[in-house]
Amino acid sequence: MHYLRQCSDGRGVPLHPLRAALFCDSNRRRRDPVVAIYSLHAKTVSRSTGRSVVAAAAYRAAENIADERLGVVWDFTRKYGVVHSEIIAPTDAPSWARDRAELWNAAERAEDTSTRRHSATTGRDIILALPHELSDAQRIAAVQEFAAGLVDRYGVAVDFAIHAPDRHSDERNYHAHVLMTTRQIGANGLGAKIRELDSFRTGPREIDAIRQQWERIGNRALERAGIEERNAERERIEDERAAVSAEIIDLAAERERRAQENEWYGEIRSGSPVPSPSRRHRGVR
């Protein structure tokens, strides 16, 4: 039996699969604190909330990427703390799928012919709290294994970036952003949408499976490093705090970007000229 299937918000209203997985999992953790916990938060990148997956990818990797749809350059090269970034794609995917700018601009273009193009989901973002006991190389290897598992399970391209703790946060707050395409990718490029994660029937089960896989990978990484498996309520609280802190830091840094992005959307919807690619938005430290 999968505990997450019948989760509601306490008023009997079913939660969206992603929110249900997070809400119910936290309840389950409070009842069962004797296993190692590796915090995992999943969310979507959607046009309905005024977001661009190109901007999200540029921010997470601290890169400079031109957004072909919006006609703006997202420049986050001044952001520090990116330990490693990498794209993993199916073996038969085109070579451009491993180029960050090409991949995410293609993901945006793929939704332009959709009947729901104005509210399309263009990416999925998974935030992982990483064991602080590991070395950089060990954390990279663990996230590589996790990303490769997502590629094998869903046939998508996965772009991940590992971030070191922010100077204002807990020094143990290592975390990774794992950005997935919402479409499968093969020899002919981006194809069908992945619906398993959107469904109220299968979504919670999929998120639970993803979380369990991350726990297995984390445990193996700690064992290989000669570190005893973490457990107990204290460790759960630390992991939860690390993931929440990471998201707060990221959201604060993105606030200015989103305001500018919403301005571009307003110009597009009002019929005003789209800004040229020479107009840049600078990231913040």
C-alpha atoms as a PDB file:
ATOM      1  CA  MET A   1       0.000   0.000   0.000  1.00  0.00           C
ATOM      2  CA  HIS A   2       1.280   3.458  -0.867  1.00  0.00           C
ATOM      3  CA  TYR A   3       0.553   5.867   1.944  1.00  0.00           C
ATOM      4  CA  LEU A   4       0.631   8.910  -0.345  1.00  0.00           C
ATOM      5  CA  ARG A   5      -2.301   7.881  -2.535  1.00  0.00           C
ATOM      6  CA  GLN A   6      -5.060   9.226  -0.316  1.00  0.00           C
ATOM      7  CA  CYS A   7      -3.417  12.380   0.953  1.00  0.00           C
ATOM      8  CA  SER A   8      -5.519  15.534   1.431  1.00  0.00           C
ATOM      9  CA  ASP A   9      -4.948  18.972   2.875  1.00  0.00           C
ATOM     10  CA  GLY A  10      -6.805  18.208   6.108  1.00  0.00           C
ATOM     11  CA  ARG A  11     -10.141  19.444   4.737  1.00  0.00           C
ATOM     12  CA  GLY A  12     -10.689  16.390   2.566  1.00  0.00           C
ATOM     13  CA  VAL A  13      -9.485  18.198  -0.574  1.00  0.00           C
ATOM     14  CA  PRO A  14      -6.959  16.080  -2.571  1.00  0.00           C
ATOM     15  CA  LEU A  15      -3.608  17.749  -3.061  1.00  0.00           C
ATOM     16  CA  HIS A  16      -1.749  18.040  -6.356  1.00  0.00           C
ATOM     17  CA  PRO A  17       0.581  15.011  -6.735  1.00  0.00           C
ATOM     18  CA  LEU A  18       3.744  17.017  -6.064  1.00  0.00           C
ATOM     19  CA  ARG A  19       2.294  18.786  -2.999  1.00  0.00           C
ATOM     20  CA  ALA A  20       0.731  15.557  -1.763  1.00  0.00           C
ATOM     21  CA  ALA A  21       4.057  13.760  -1.890  1.00  0.00           C
ATOM     22  CA  LEU A  22       5.758  16.504   0.113  1.00  0.00           C
ATOM     23  CA  PHE A  23       2.932  17.002   2.653  1.00  0.00           C
ATOM     24  CA  CYS A  24       2.320  13.339   3.344  1.00  0.00           C
ATOM     25  CA  ASP A  25       5.967  12.429   3.375  1.00  0.00           C
ATOM     26  CA  SER A  26       6.647  14.978   6.114  1.00  0.00           C
ATOM     27  CA  ASN A  27       3.845  13.440   8.200  1.00  0.00           C
ATOM     28  CA  ARG A  28       5.235   9.975   7.621  1.00  0.00           C
ATOM     29  CA  ARG A  29       8.701  11.109   8.691  1.00  0.00           C
ATOM     30  CA  ARG A  30       7.411  12.416  12.014  1.00  0.00           C
ATOM     31  CA  ARG A  31       5.967   8.986  12.749  1.00  0.00           C
ATOM     32  CA  ASP A  32       9.047   7.056  11.628  1.00  0.00           C
ATOM     33  CA  PRO A  33      12.270   8.884  12.578  1.00  0.00           C
ATOM     34  CA  VAL A  34      14.428   5.740  12.692  1.00  0.00           C
ATOM     35  CA  VAL A  35      15.495   5.726   9.027  1.00  0.00           C
ATOM     36  CA  ALA A  36      17.964   7.986   7.270  1.00  0.00           C
ATOM     37  CA  ILE A  37      16.175  10.926   5.682  1.00  0.00           C
ATOM     38  CA  TYR A  38      17.373  12.717   2.562  1.00  0.00           C
ATOM     39  CA  SER A  39      15.244  15.757   1.903  1.00  0.00           C
ATOM     40  CA  LEU A  40      13.826  16.072  -1.607  1.00  0.00           C
ATOM     41  CA  HIS A  41      11.509  18.833  -2.824  1.00  0.00           C
ATOM     42  CA  ALA A  42       9.897  18.763  -6.268  1.00  0.00           C
ATOM     43  CA  LYS A  43       8.248  21.637  -8.113  1.00  0.00           C
ATOM     44  CA  THR A  44       7.495  22.714 -11.671  1.00  0.00           C
ATOM     45  CA  VAL A  45       8.666  25.547 -13.899  1.00  0.00           C
ATOM     46  CA  SER A  46       5.536  26.871 -15.588  1.00  0.00           C
ATOM     47  CA  ARG A  47       4.645  29.750 -17.872  1.00  0.00           C
ATOM     48  CA  SER A  48       1.438  30.203 -15.880  1.00  0.00           C
ATOM     49  CA  THR A  49       3.529  31.637 -13.041  1.00  0.00           C
ATOM     50  CA  GLY A  50       5.584  33.831 -15.372  1.00  0.00           C
ATOM     51  CA  ARG A  51       8.695  31.666 -15.376  1.00  0.00           C
ATOM     52  CA  SER A  52      11.152  30.729 -18.101  1.00  0.00           C
ATOM     53  CA  VAL A  53      12.987  27.415 -17.935  1.00  0.00           C
ATOM     54  CA  VAL A  54      15.885  29.066 -19.783  1.00  0.00           C
ATOM     55  CA  ALA A  55      16.233  31.558 -16.932  1.00  0.00           C
ATOM     56  CA  ALA A  56      15.967  28.750 -14.378  1.00  0.00           C
ATOM     57  CA  ALA A  57      18.759  26.786 -16.069  1.00  0.00           C
ATOM     58  CA  ALA A  58      20.990  29.865 -16.365  1.00  0.00           C
ATOM     59  CA  TYR A  59      20.511  30.719 -12.707  1.00  0.00           C
ATOM     60  CA  ARG A  60      21.178  27.223 -11.402  1.00  0.00           C
ATOM     61  CA  ALA A  61      24.367  26.824 -13.439  1.00  0.00           C
ATOM     62  CA  ALA A  62      25.478  30.485 -13.026  1.00  0.00           C
ATOM     63  CA  GLU A  63      25.686  30.954 -16.784  1.00  0.00           C
ATOM     64  CA  ASN A  64      24.869  33.533 -19.445  1.00  0.00           C
ATOM     65  CA  ILE A  65      22.114  32.219 -21.742  1.00  0.00           C
ATOM     66  CA  ALA A  66      20.063  34.019 -24.397  1.00  0.00           C
ATOM     67  CA  ASP A  67      16.328  33.344 -24.115  1.00  0.00           C
ATOM     68  CA  GLU A  68      15.177  33.098 -27.724  1.00  0.00           C
ATOM     69  CA  ARG A  69      11.465  33.251 -26.897  1.00  0.00           C
ATOM     70  CA  LEU A  70      11.638  36.326 -24.686  1.00  0.00           C
ATOM     71  CA  GLY A  71      14.504  38.006 -26.498  1.00  0.00           C
ATOM     72  CA  VAL A  72      16.542  38.623 -23.353  1.00  0.00           C
ATOM     73  CA  VAL A  73      19.884  37.376 -22.059  1.00  0.00           C
ATOM     74  CA  TRP A  74      19.840  35.858 -18.583  1.00  0.00           C
ATOM     75  CA  ASP A  75      23.249  36.601 -17.084  1.00  0.00           C
ATOM     76  CA  PHE A  76      23.934  34.925 -13.749  1.00  0.00           C
ATOM     77  CA  THR A  77      27.696  34.631 -14.155  1.00  0.00           C
ATOM     78  CA  ARG A  78      28.206  36.686 -10.989  1.00  0.00           C
ATOM     79  CA  LYS A  79      26.428  34.067  -8.887  1.00  0.00           C
ATOM     80  CA  TYR A  80      28.939  32.091  -6.850  1.00  0.00           C
ATOM     81  CA  GLY A  81      28.807  28.727  -5.128  1.00  0.00           C
ATOM     82  CA  VAL A  82      28.153  26.416  -8.103  1.00  0.00           C
ATOM     83  CA  VAL A  83      30.395  23.422  -7.404  1.00  0.00           C
ATOM     84  CA  HIS A  84      29.493  21.426 -10.510  1.00  0.00           C
ATOM     85  CA  SER A  85      26.915  21.433 -13.314  1.00  0.00           C
ATOM     86  CA  GLU A  86      26.229  18.776 -15.910  1.00  0.00           C
ATOM     87  CA  ILE A  87      23.600  17.539 -18.378  1.00  0.00           C
ATOM     88  CA  ILE A  88      22.768  13.842 -18.699  1.00  0.00           C
ATOM     89  CA  ALA A  89      20.580  12.693 -21.599  1.00  0.00           C
ATOM     90  CA  PRO A  90      19.600   9.374 -23.212  1.00  0.00           C
ATOM     91  CA  THR A  91      22.363   7.844 -25.320  1.00  0.00           C
ATOM     92  CA  ASP A  92      20.421   8.383 -28.558  1.00  0.00           C
ATOM     93  CA  ALA A  93      19.638  12.050 -27.836  1.00  0.00           C
ATOM     94  CA  PRO A  94      21.063  14.645 -30.269  1.00  0.00           C
ATOM     95  CA  SER A  95      24.366  16.268 -29.327  1.00  0.00           C
ATOM     96  CA  TRP A  96      22.611  19.622 -28.763  1.00  0.00           C
ATOM     97  CA  ALA A  97      20.726  18.059 -25.825  1.00  0.00           C
ATOM     98  CA  ARG A  98      23.950  18.362 -23.819  1.00  0.00           C
ATOM     99  CA  ASP A  99      24.260  22.081 -24.542  1.00  0.00           C
ATOM    100  CA  ARG A 100      22.420  24.053 -21.850  1.00  0.00           C
ATOM    101  CA  ALA A 101      21.317  26.949 -24.064  1.00  0.00           C
ATOM    102  CA  GLU A 102      20.211  24.665 -26.898  1.00  0.00           C
ATOM    103  CA  LEU A 103      18.376  22.229 -24.649  1.00  0.00           C
ATOM    104  CA  TRP A 104      16.247  24.691 -22.710  1.00  0.00           C
ATOM    105  CA  ASN A 105      15.466  26.950 -25.656  1.00  0.00           C
ATOM    106  CA  ALA A 106      14.290  23.797 -27.444  1.00  0.00           C
ATOM    107  CA  ALA A 107      12.153  22.925 -24.404  1.00  0.00           C
ATOM    108  CA  GLU A 108      10.480  26.333 -24.644  1.00  0.00           C
ATOM    109  CA  ARG A 109       9.942  26.010 -28.419  1.00  0.00           C
ATOM    110  CA  ALA A 110       8.364  22.588 -27.969  1.00  0.00           C
ATOM    111  CA  GLU A 111       5.489  24.200 -26.044  1.00  0.00           C
ATOM    112  CA  ASP A 112       4.798  26.961 -28.568  1.00  0.00           C
ATOM    113  CA  THR A 113       2.529  24.670 -30.616  1.00  0.00           C
ATOM    114  CA  SER A 114       0.732  23.322 -27.556  1.00  0.00           C
ATOM    115  CA  THR A 115      -2.930  24.174 -27.018  1.00  0.00           C
ATOM    116  CA  ARG A 116      -1.911  25.257 -23.511  1.00  0.00           C
ATOM    117  CA  ARG A 117       1.204  27.150 -24.541  1.00  0.00           C
ATOM    118  CA  HIS A 118       0.403  30.147 -22.314  1.00  0.00           C
ATOM    119  CA  SER A 119       0.339  27.976 -19.188  1.00  0.00           C
ATOM    120  CA  ALA A 120       2.681  25.178 -20.283  1.00  0.00           C
ATOM    121  CA  THR A 121       4.983  23.445 -17.840  1.00  0.00           C
ATOM    122  CA  THR A 122       8.462  23.638 -19.348  1.00  0.00           C
ATOM    123  CA  GLY A 123      10.554  21.932 -16.683  1.00  0.00           C
ATOM    124  CA  ARG A 124      10.566  20.078 -13.381  1.00  0.00           C
ATOM    125  CA  ASP A 125      12.935  21.101 -10.620  1.00  0.00           C
ATOM    126  CA  ILE A 126      13.978  18.716  -7.857  1.00  0.00           C
ATOM    127  CA  ILE A 127      15.943  20.138  -4.934  1.00  0.00           C
ATOM    128  CA  LEU A 128      18.121  17.666  -3.037  1.00  0.00           C
ATOM    129  CA  ALA A 129      19.724  18.259   0.357  1.00  0.00           C
ATOM    130  CA  LEU A 130      23.140  16.586   0.076  1.00  0.00           C
ATOM    131  CA  PRO A 131      25.017  14.847   2.904  1.00  0.00           C
ATOM    132  CA  HIS A 132      27.497  17.385   4.234  1.00  0.00           C
ATOM    133  CA  GLU A 133      29.768  14.579   5.441  1.00  0.00           C
ATOM    134  CA  LEU A 134      30.755  13.715   1.860  1.00  0.00           C
ATOM    135  CA  SER A 135      33.471  15.339  -0.230  1.00  0.00           C
ATOM    136  CA  ASP A 136      32.653  17.375  -3.335  1.00  0.00           C
ATOM    137  CA  ALA A 137      33.623  14.438  -5.561  1.00  0.00           C
ATOM    138  CA  GLN A 138      31.397  12.056  -3.588  1.00  0.00           C
ATOM    139  CA  ARG A 139      28.431  14.443  -3.740  1.00  0.00           C
ATOM    140  CA  ILE A 140      28.904  14.878  -7.492  1.00  0.00           C
ATOM    141  CA  ALA A 141      28.993  11.104  -8.005  1.00  0.00           C
ATOM    142  CA  ALA A 142      25.800  10.653  -5.956  1.00  0.00           C
ATOM    143  CA  VAL A 143      23.875  13.290  -7.927  1.00  0.00           C
ATOM    144  CA  GLN A 144      25.183  11.886 -11.216  1.00  0.00           C
ATOM    145  CA  GLU A 145      23.790   8.490 -10.244  1.00  0.00           C
ATOM    146  CA  PHE A 146      20.455  10.034  -9.254  1.00  0.00           C
ATOM    147  CA  ALA A 147      20.193  12.045 -12.495  1.00  0.00           C
ATOM    148  CA  ALA A 148      21.085   9.013 -14.609  1.00  0.00           C
ATOM    149  CA  GLY A 149      18.283   7.106 -12.871  1.00  0.00           C
ATOM    150  CA  LEU A 150      15.763   9.793 -13.867  1.00  0.00           C
ATOM    151  CA  VAL A 151      17.002   9.624 -17.465  1.00  0.00           C
ATOM    152  CA  ASP A 152      16.555   5.843 -17.495  1.00  0.00           C
ATOM    153  CA  ARG A 153      13.136   5.971 -15.805  1.00  0.00           C
ATOM    154  CA  TYR A 154      11.519   8.716 -17.887  1.00  0.00           C
ATOM    155  CA  GLY A 155      13.649   9.101 -21.043  1.00  0.00           C
ATOM    156  CA  VAL A 156      14.204  12.824 -20.343  1.00  0.00           C
ATOM    157  CA  ALA A 157      17.240  15.101 -20.286  1.00  0.00           C
ATOM    158  CA  VAL A 158      18.410  16.104 -16.807  1.00  0.00           C
ATOM    159  CA  ASP A 159      20.438  19.228 -16.063  1.00  0.00           C
ATOM    160  CA  PHE A 160      21.820  19.400 -12.541  1.00  0.00           C
ATOM    161  CA  ALA A 161      23.881  21.879 -10.560  1.00  0.00           C
ATOM    162  CA  ILE A 162      25.393  21.387  -7.122  1.00  0.00           C
ATOM    163  CA  HIS A 163      25.487  24.469  -4.905  1.00  0.00           C
ATOM    164  CA  ALA A 164      27.756  25.033  -1.917  1.00  0.00           C
ATOM    165  CA  PRO A 165      26.328  26.655   1.215  1.00  0.00           C
ATOM    166  CA  ASP A 166      25.564  30.350   0.890  1.00  0.00           C
ATOM    167  CA  ARG A 167      27.728  32.580   3.061  1.00  0.00           C
ATOM    168  CA  HIS A 168      24.603  33.534   5.038  1.00  0.00           C
ATOM    169  CA  SER A 169      23.387  29.950   5.568  1.00  0.00           C
ATOM    170  CA  ASP A 170      24.385  26.869   7.518  1.00  0.00           C
ATOM    171  CA  GLU A 171      27.825  25.643   6.403  1.00  0.00           C
ATOM    172  CA  ARG A 172      26.348  22.144   5.931  1.00  0.00           C
ATOM    173  CA  ASN A 173      23.748  23.361   3.442  1.00  0.00           C
ATOM    174  CA  TYR A 174      25.025  21.598   0.328  1.00  0.00           C
ATOM    175  CA  HIS A 175      22.197  21.061  -2.141  1.00  0.00           C
ATOM    176  CA  ALA A 176      21.540  20.238  -5.770  1.00  0.00           C
ATOM    177  CA  HIS A 177      19.018  21.494  -8.301  1.00  0.00           C
ATOM    178  CA  VAL A 178      17.984  18.791 -10.744  1.00  0.00           C
ATOM    179  CA  LEU A 179      16.103  20.265 -13.713  1.00  0.00           C
ATOM    180  CA  MET A 180      14.228  17.780 -15.927  1.00  0.00           C
ATOM    181  CA  THR A 181      12.633  18.274 -19.317  1.00  0.00           C
ATOM    182  CA  THR A 182       8.904  17.600 -19.316  1.00  0.00           C
ATOM    183  CA  ARG A 183       9.213  15.732 -22.612  1.00  0.00           C
ATOM    184  CA  GLN A 184      11.070  12.601 -23.566  1.00  0.00           C
ATOM    185  CA  ILE A 185      14.067  13.124 -25.797  1.00  0.00           C
ATOM    186  CA  GLY A 186      15.483  10.770 -28.414  1.00  0.00           C
ATOM    187  CA  ALA A 187      17.157  10.732 -31.806  1.00  0.00           C
ATOM    188  CA  ASN A 188      14.481  13.052 -33.239  1.00  0.00           C
ATOM    189  CA  GLY A 189      14.653  15.534 -30.372  1.00  0.00           C
ATOM    190  CA  LEU A 190      11.954  16.345 -27.846  1.00  0.00           C
ATOM    191  CA  GLY A 191       8.867  14.179 -28.112  1.00  0.00           C
ATOM    192  CA  ALA A 192       5.898  13.204 -25.965  1.00  0.00           C
ATOM    193  CA  LYS A 193       5.096  14.768 -22.609  1.00  0.00           C
ATOM    194  CA  ILE A 194       5.798  12.782 -19.444  1.00  0.00           C
ATOM    195  CA  ARG A 195       2.399  12.525 -17.747  1.00  0.00           C
ATOM    196  CA  GLU A 196       3.185  10.139 -14.888  1.00  0.00           C
ATOM    197  CA  LEU A 197       4.242  12.959 -12.582  1.00  0.00           C
ATOM    198  CA  ASP A 198       1.162  15.091 -13.327  1.00  0.00           C
ATOM    199  CA  SER A 199      -1.497  12.500 -12.594  1.00  0.00           C
ATOM    200  CA  PHE A 200      -3.273  12.372  -9.240  1.00  0.00           C
ATOM    201  CA  ARG A 201      -3.271   8.588  -9.645  1.00  0.00           C
ATOM    202  CA  THR A 202       0.410   8.039 -10.440  1.00  0.00           C
ATOM    203  CA  GLY A 203       2.110  11.290  -9.381  1.00  0.00           C
ATOM    204  CA  PRO A 204       2.450  10.620  -5.630  1.00  0.00           C
ATOM    205  CA  ARG A 205       3.689   7.095  -6.316  1.00  0.00           C
ATOM    206  CA  GLU A 206       6.305   8.389  -8.747  1.00  0.00           C
ATOM    207  CA  ILE A 207       7.544  11.080  -6.352  1.00  0.00           C
ATOM    208  CA  ASP A 208       7.736   8.508  -3.577  1.00  0.00           C
ATOM    209  CA  ALA A 209       9.779   6.186  -5.828  1.00  0.00           C
ATOM    210  CA  ILE A 210      12.121   9.059  -6.724  1.00  0.00           C
ATOM    211  CA  ARG A 211      12.607   9.900  -3.053  1.00  0.00           C
ATOM    212  CA  GLN A 212      13.299   6.283  -2.136  1.00  0.00           C
ATOM    213  CA  GLN A 213      15.864   6.055  -4.914  1.00  0.00           C
ATOM    214  CA  TRP A 214      17.625   9.153  -3.554  1.00  0.00           C
ATOM    215  CA  GLU A 215      17.668   7.630  -0.076  1.00  0.00           C
ATOM    216  CA  ARG A 216      19.249   4.438  -1.442  1.00  0.00           C
ATOM    217  CA  ILE A 217      21.882   6.422  -3.344  1.00  0.00           C
ATOM    218  CA  GLY A 218      22.624   8.573  -0.296  1.00  0.00           C
ATOM    219  CA  ASN A 219      23.000   5.544   1.962  1.00  0.00           C
ATOM    220  CA  ARG A 220      25.347   3.851  -0.490  1.00  0.00           C
ATOM    221  CA  ALA A 221      27.432   7.021  -0.798  1.00  0.00           C
ATOM    222  CA  LEU A 222      27.788   7.243   2.974  1.00  0.00           C
ATOM    223  CA  GLU A 223      28.673   3.550   3.239  1.00  0.00           C
ATOM    224  CA  ARG A 224      31.338   3.871   0.545  1.00  0.00           C
ATOM    225  CA  ALA A 225      32.751   6.857   2.411  1.00  0.00           C
ATOM    226  CA  GLY A 226      32.894   4.805   5.620  1.00  0.00           C
ATOM    227  CA  ILE A 227      30.263   6.943   7.362  1.00  0.00           C
ATOM    228  CA  GLU A 228      27.533   5.319   9.424  1.00  0.00           C
ATOM    229  CA  GLU A 229      23.975   5.759   8.180  1.00  0.00           C
ATOM    230  CA  ARG A 230      22.354   8.831   9.679  1.00  0.00           C
ATOM    231  CA  ASN A 231      19.063   8.518  11.467  1.00  0.00           C
ATOM    232  CA  ALA A 232      17.178  10.023  14.402  1.00  0.00           C
ATOM    233  CA  GLU A 233      14.968  13.067  14.591  1.00  0.00           C
ATOM    234  CA  ARG A 234      17.905  15.494  14.895  1.00  0.00           C
ATOM    235  CA  GLU A 235      19.207  14.519  11.459  1.00  0.00           C
ATOM    236  CA  ARG A 236      15.731  14.797   9.927  1.00  0.00           C
ATOM    237  CA  ILE A 237      15.384  18.336  11.241  1.00  0.00           C
ATOM    238  CA  GLU A 238      18.818  19.281   9.895  1.00  0.00           C
ATOM    239  CA  ASP A 239      17.991  17.985   6.432  1.00  0.00           C
ATOM    240  CA  GLU A 240      14.621  19.710   6.381  1.00  0.00           C
ATOM    241  CA  ARG A 241      16.182  22.984   7.497  1.00  0.00           C
ATOM    242  CA  ALA A 242      18.900  22.677   4.842  1.00  0.00           C
ATOM    243  CA  ALA A 243      16.413  22.180   2.003  1.00  0.00           C
ATOM    244  CA  VAL A 244      14.117  24.975   3.177  1.00  0.00           C
ATOM    245  CA  SER A 245      17.077  27.301   3.650  1.00  0.00           C
ATOM    246  CA  ALA A 246      18.346  26.471   0.163  1.00  0.00           C
ATOM    247  CA  GLU A 247      14.990  27.284  -1.375  1.00  0.00           C
ATOM    248  CA  ILE A 248      14.654  30.550   0.563  1.00  0.00           C
ATOM    249  CA  ILE A 249      18.078  31.652  -0.631  1.00  0.00           C
ATOM    250  CA  ASP A 250      17.272  30.735  -4.229  1.00  0.00           C
ATOM    251  CA  LEU A 251      13.883  32.448  -4.191  1.00  0.00           C
ATOM    252  CA  ALA A 252      15.363  35.632  -2.753  1.00  0.00           C
ATOM    253  CA  ALA A 253      18.049  35.701  -5.440  1.00  0.00           C
ATOM    254  CA  GLU A 254      15.453  35.115  -8.177  1.00  0.00           C
ATOM    255  CA  ARG A 255      13.046  37.826  -7.058  1.00  0.00           C
ATOM    256  CA  GLU A 256      14.614  40.515  -9.194  1.00  0.00           C
ATOM    257  CA  ARG A 257      14.856  38.169 -12.183  1.00  0.00           C
ATOM    258  CA  ARG A 258      11.176  37.236 -12.000  1.00  0.00           C
ATOM    259  CA  ALA A 259      10.118  40.875 -11.806  1.00  0.00           C
ATOM    260  CA  GLN A 260      12.039  41.597 -15.001  1.00  0.00           C
ATOM    261  CA  GLU A 261      10.697  38.436 -16.634  1.00  0.00           C
ATOM    262  CA  ASN A 262       7.119  39.443 -15.824  1.00  0.00           C
ATOM    263  CA  GLU A 263       7.794  42.792 -17.450  1.00  0.00           C
ATOM    264  CA  TRP A 264       8.819  40.981 -20.667  1.00  0.00           C
ATOM    265  CA  TYR A 265       5.642  38.896 -20.507  1.00  0.00           C
ATOM    266  CA  GLY A 266       3.594  42.068 -20.113  1.00  0.00           C
ATOM    267  CA  GLU A 267       5.186  43.568 -23.195  1.00  0.00           C
ATOM    268  CA  ILE A 268       4.522  40.423 -25.200  1.00  0.00           C
ATOM    269  CA  ARG A 269       0.871  40.184 -24.140  1.00  0.00           C
ATOM    270  CA  SER A 270       0.240  43.865 -24.785  1.00  0.00           C
ATOM    271  CA  GLY A 271       1.717  43.642 -28.259  1.00  0.00           C
ATOM    272  CA  SER A 272       4.677  45.882 -27.435  1.00  0.00           C
ATOM    273  CA  PRO A 273       7.958  45.209 -29.210  1.00  0.00           C
ATOM    274  CA  VAL A 274       9.907  42.334 -27.692  1.00  0.00           C
ATOM    275  CA  PRO A 275      13.238  43.508 -26.203  1.00  0.00           C
ATOM    276  CA  SER A 276      16.288  42.665 -28.294  1.00  0.00           C
ATOM    277  CA  PRO A 277      18.774  40.040 -27.119  1.00  0.00           C
ATOM    278  CA  SER A 278      21.220  42.854 -26.379  1.00  0.00           C
ATOM    279  CA  ARG A 279      19.082  43.823 -23.379  1.00  0.00           C
ATOM    280  CA  ARG A 280      20.447  41.914 -20.440  1.00  0.00           C
ATOM    281  CA  HIS A 281      19.333  40.989 -16.985  1.00  0.00           C
ATOM    282  CA  ARG A 282      22.167  40.670 -14.533  1.00  0.00           C
ATOM    283  CA  GLY A 283      22.156  38.097 -11.752  1.00  0.00           C
ATOM    284  CA  VAL A 284      22.901  39.083  -8.174  1.00  0.00           C
ATOM    285  CA  ARG A 285      25.317  37.691  -5.681  1.00  0.00           C
END
